[in-house]
Amino acid sequence: MRPQLFLIPGLGAVRDLFYPQRDEFGDQLSVIEEAGGEGLWQHKPSMSSAADVFASRLASEIPPDGSYVLGGMSFGGSLAV
C-alpha cells in the first residue's frame, strides 16, 4: 500500500495550489489547511502561533503508524521539514 501524502500550503495560499498533485495522487493526497478556513489570518498571527495551528491539525490527521509523506510550499515546506 502506498503511503498517504500530506501537503501544507504557504501562508495565505489555499488548497487550489495543489490541484496538479491532486490530479496525480487522488485520494492518496490530503491538503492540511487551517481548521475553520481563513479565521487564523484575520488575526495576523505570528509565525509561531500559525505553526501551532498547523501542527495541531497535522497531529490529528497523520496516521500514527508513520505511513505518510509530508511536504509543502513556502511556510508549509518549512513546517514539513
C-alpha atoms as a PDB file:
ATOM      1  CA  MET A   1       0.000   0.000   0.000  1.00  0.00           C
ATOM      2  CA  ARG A   2       1.294   3.454  -0.885  1.00  0.00           C
ATOM      3  CA  PRO A   3       1.710   5.963   1.954  1.00  0.00           C
ATOM      4  CA  GLN A   4      -0.665   8.890   2.374  1.00  0.00           C
ATOM      5  CA  LEU A   5       0.720  12.201   1.055  1.00  0.00           C
ATOM      6  CA  PHE A   6       0.116  15.311   3.187  1.00  0.00           C
ATOM      7  CA  LEU A   7       0.855  18.742   1.700  1.00  0.00           C
ATOM      8  CA  ILE A   8       0.767  22.101   3.503  1.00  0.00           C
ATOM      9  CA  PRO A   9       0.259  25.329   1.531  1.00  0.00           C
ATOM     10  CA  GLY A  10       2.133  28.539   2.264  1.00  0.00           C
ATOM     11  CA  LEU A  11       0.733  31.352   4.387  1.00  0.00           C
ATOM     12  CA  GLY A  12      -2.207  32.918   2.619  1.00  0.00           C
ATOM     13  CA  ALA A  13      -2.261  30.170  -0.017  1.00  0.00           C
ATOM     14  CA  VAL A  14      -5.157  27.797  -0.499  1.00  0.00           C
ATOM     15  CA  ARG A  15      -5.552  24.139  -1.339  1.00  0.00           C
ATOM     16  CA  ASP A  16      -6.100  25.034  -5.023  1.00  0.00           C
ATOM     17  CA  LEU A  17      -2.324  25.366  -5.228  1.00  0.00           C
ATOM     18  CA  PHE A  18      -2.106  21.568  -5.128  1.00  0.00           C
ATOM     19  CA  TYR A  19      -4.650  20.736  -7.864  1.00  0.00           C
ATOM     20  CA  PRO A  20      -1.955  19.244 -10.132  1.00  0.00           C
ATOM     21  CA  GLN A  21      -0.879  16.925  -7.316  1.00  0.00           C
ATOM     22  CA  ARG A  22      -4.495  16.014  -6.564  1.00  0.00           C
ATOM     23  CA  ASP A  23      -4.944  15.006 -10.206  1.00  0.00           C
ATOM     24  CA  GLU A  24      -1.911  12.705  -9.915  1.00  0.00           C
ATOM     25  CA  PHE A  25      -2.403  11.265  -6.410  1.00  0.00           C
ATOM     26  CA  GLY A  26      -6.208  11.405  -5.977  1.00  0.00           C
ATOM     27  CA  ASP A  27      -7.418  10.097  -2.600  1.00  0.00           C
ATOM     28  CA  GLN A  28      -3.840   9.411  -1.545  1.00  0.00           C
ATOM     29  CA  LEU A  29      -3.339  13.201  -1.137  1.00  0.00           C
ATOM     30  CA  SER A  30      -4.545  15.271   1.813  1.00  0.00           C
ATOM     31  CA  VAL A  31      -4.023  19.026   1.983  1.00  0.00           C
ATOM     32  CA  ILE A  32      -3.544  20.351   5.507  1.00  0.00           C
ATOM     33  CA  GLU A  33      -5.264  23.660   5.989  1.00  0.00           C
ATOM     34  CA  GLU A  34      -6.086  25.746   8.991  1.00  0.00           C
ATOM     35  CA  ALA A  35      -9.205  24.384  10.634  1.00  0.00           C
ATOM     36  CA  GLY A  36     -12.019  26.864  10.165  1.00  0.00           C
ATOM     37  CA  GLY A  37     -10.877  28.456   6.919  1.00  0.00           C
ATOM     38  CA  GLU A  38      -9.473  31.963   6.883  1.00  0.00           C
ATOM     39  CA  GLY A  39     -10.087  32.772  10.571  1.00  0.00           C
ATOM     40  CA  LEU A  40      -6.437  32.463  11.565  1.00  0.00           C
ATOM     41  CA  TRP A  41      -5.251  35.008   9.007  1.00  0.00           C
ATOM     42  CA  GLN A  42      -7.796  37.654  10.046  1.00  0.00           C
ATOM     43  CA  HIS A  43      -5.956  37.926  13.378  1.00  0.00           C
ATOM     44  CA  LYS A  44      -2.490  38.376  11.810  1.00  0.00           C
ATOM     45  CA  PRO A  45      -0.797  35.618  13.812  1.00  0.00           C
ATOM     46  CA  SER A  46       2.892  35.284  14.496  1.00  0.00           C
ATOM     47  CA  MET A  47       4.739  32.552  12.612  1.00  0.00           C
ATOM     48  CA  SER A  48       4.928  30.602  15.852  1.00  0.00           C
ATOM     49  CA  SER A  49       1.184  30.708  16.535  1.00  0.00           C
ATOM     50  CA  ALA A  50       0.409  29.849  12.902  1.00  0.00           C
ATOM     51  CA  ALA A  51       2.789  26.886  13.164  1.00  0.00           C
ATOM     52  CA  ASP A  52       0.982  25.752  16.337  1.00  0.00           C
ATOM     53  CA  VAL A  53      -2.359  25.749  14.499  1.00  0.00           C
ATOM     54  CA  PHE A  54      -0.985  23.693  11.619  1.00  0.00           C
ATOM     55  CA  ALA A  55       0.921  21.332  13.944  1.00  0.00           C
ATOM     56  CA  SER A  56      -2.291  20.589  15.838  1.00  0.00           C
ATOM     57  CA  ARG A  57      -4.071  19.899  12.574  1.00  0.00           C
ATOM     58  CA  LEU A  58      -1.243  17.618  11.421  1.00  0.00           C
ATOM     59  CA  ALA A  59      -1.258  15.706  14.699  1.00  0.00           C
ATOM     60  CA  SER A  60      -4.968  14.999  14.318  1.00  0.00           C
ATOM     61  CA  GLU A  61      -4.735  13.779  10.710  1.00  0.00           C
ATOM     62  CA  ILE A  62      -1.429  11.945  10.304  1.00  0.00           C
ATOM     63  CA  PRO A  63      -1.615   8.186  10.887  1.00  0.00           C
ATOM     64  CA  PRO A  64       0.287   7.012  13.973  1.00  0.00           C
ATOM     65  CA  ASP A  65       1.940   4.130  12.099  1.00  0.00           C
ATOM     66  CA  GLY A  66       4.214   6.527  10.193  1.00  0.00           C
ATOM     67  CA  SER A  67       2.988   5.538   6.735  1.00  0.00           C
ATOM     68  CA  TYR A  68       2.905   9.012   5.220  1.00  0.00           C
ATOM     69  CA  VAL A  69       4.923  11.565   3.264  1.00  0.00           C
ATOM     70  CA  LEU A  70       4.834  15.194   4.368  1.00  0.00           C
ATOM     71  CA  GLY A  71       5.593  18.150   2.102  1.00  0.00           C
ATOM     72  CA  GLY A  72       4.627  21.729   1.473  1.00  0.00           C
ATOM     73  CA  MET A  73       5.338  25.019  -0.208  1.00  0.00           C
ATOM     74  CA  SER A  74       6.924  28.088   1.408  1.00  0.00           C
ATOM     75  CA  PHE A  75       5.669  28.223   5.029  1.00  0.00           C
ATOM     76  CA  GLY A  76       4.180  24.738   4.546  1.00  0.00           C
ATOM     77  CA  GLY A  77       7.554  23.449   3.371  1.00  0.00           C
ATOM     78  CA  SER A  78       9.225  24.838   6.495  1.00  0.00           C
ATOM     79  CA  LEU A  79       6.647  23.057   8.647  1.00  0.00           C
ATOM     80  CA  ALA A  80       7.154  19.827   6.737  1.00  0.00           C
ATOM     81  CA  VAL A  81      10.886  19.925   7.402  1.00  0.00           C
END
